[in-house]
């Protein structure tokens, strides 16, 4: 997933291709909402935080 987010970062870069969320959704087989979320997290949290998966507080640990 980190690789997919990194590819999205490169495509939505304003100094680069500057793709729209619709173009990202079509190219990476995801929803438009995913493109919007990745873009928003990049702007608000910064590159490193946006690249990593966000922890879910209510999710239980997997049993082995």
Protein backbone atom coordinates (compact mmCIF):
# COMPACT_ATOMS: atom_id res chain seq x y z
CA UNK A 1 0.00 0.00 0.00
CA UNK A 2 2.89 2.35 0.67
CA UNK A 3 4.08 1.88 -2.89
CA UNK A 4 0.63 2.73 -4.25
CA UNK A 5 0.49 5.89 -2.12
CA UNK A 6 3.97 6.90 -3.30
CA UNK A 7 2.88 6.48 -6.92
CA UNK A 8 -0.21 8.59 -6.22
CA UNK A 9 1.98 11.31 -4.65
CA UNK A 10 4.07 11.45 -7.79
CA UNK A 11 1.06 11.73 -10.07
CA UNK A 12 -0.83 14.40 -8.09
CA UNK A 13 2.25 16.60 -7.71
CA UNK A 14 1.44 20.09 -9.00
CA UNK A 15 4.96 20.49 -10.42
CA UNK A 16 4.66 17.09 -12.12
CA UNK A 17 1.73 15.62 -14.02
CA UNK A 18 -0.87 17.16 -11.68
CA UNK A 19 -3.44 14.40 -12.16
CA UNK A 20 -6.98 14.80 -10.91
CA UNK A 21 -8.49 12.39 -8.38
CA UNK A 22 -10.53 10.83 -11.18
CA UNK A 23 -7.38 10.09 -13.20
CA UNK A 24 -5.71 8.59 -10.12
CA UNK A 25 -8.74 6.37 -9.45
CA UNK A 26 -8.75 5.07 -13.00
CA UNK A 27 -4.99 4.48 -13.22
CA UNK A 28 -4.53 2.82 -9.82
CA UNK A 29 -7.84 0.93 -9.63
CA UNK A 30 -9.08 2.71 -6.52
CA UNK A 31 -11.91 5.07 -5.64
CA UNK A 32 -11.89 8.82 -6.16
CA UNK A 33 -12.15 9.10 -2.37
CA UNK A 34 -8.78 7.34 -2.02
CA UNK A 35 -7.12 9.98 -4.17
CA UNK A 36 -8.75 12.72 -2.13
CA UNK A 37 -7.74 11.14 1.16
CA UNK A 38 -4.13 10.64 0.11
CA UNK A 39 -3.89 14.21 -1.15
CA UNK A 40 -5.48 15.61 2.05
CA UNK A 41 -3.19 13.58 4.33
CA UNK A 42 -0.15 14.69 2.35
CA UNK A 43 -1.05 18.35 2.78
CA UNK A 44 -2.15 18.21 6.42
CA UNK A 45 0.20 15.60 7.92
CA UNK A 46 3.24 15.71 5.65
CA UNK A 47 4.91 13.16 3.44
CA UNK A 48 6.05 10.57 6.01
CA UNK A 49 2.74 10.41 7.87
CA UNK A 50 0.72 10.25 4.67
CA UNK A 51 2.86 7.43 3.33
CA UNK A 52 2.34 5.15 6.34
CA UNK A 53 -0.86 3.29 7.11
CA UNK A 54 -2.99 5.06 9.67
CA UNK A 55 -3.54 2.99 12.85
CA UNK A 56 -7.14 2.07 13.64
CA UNK A 57 -7.83 2.48 17.37
CA UNK A 58 -10.82 0.08 17.46
CA UNK A 59 -9.20 -2.76 15.56
CA UNK A 60 -8.24 -5.82 17.57
CA UNK A 61 -4.93 -7.58 17.13
CA UNK A 62 -5.04 -10.76 15.08
CA UNK A 63 -4.95 -14.03 16.95
CA UNK A 64 -2.32 -16.54 15.96
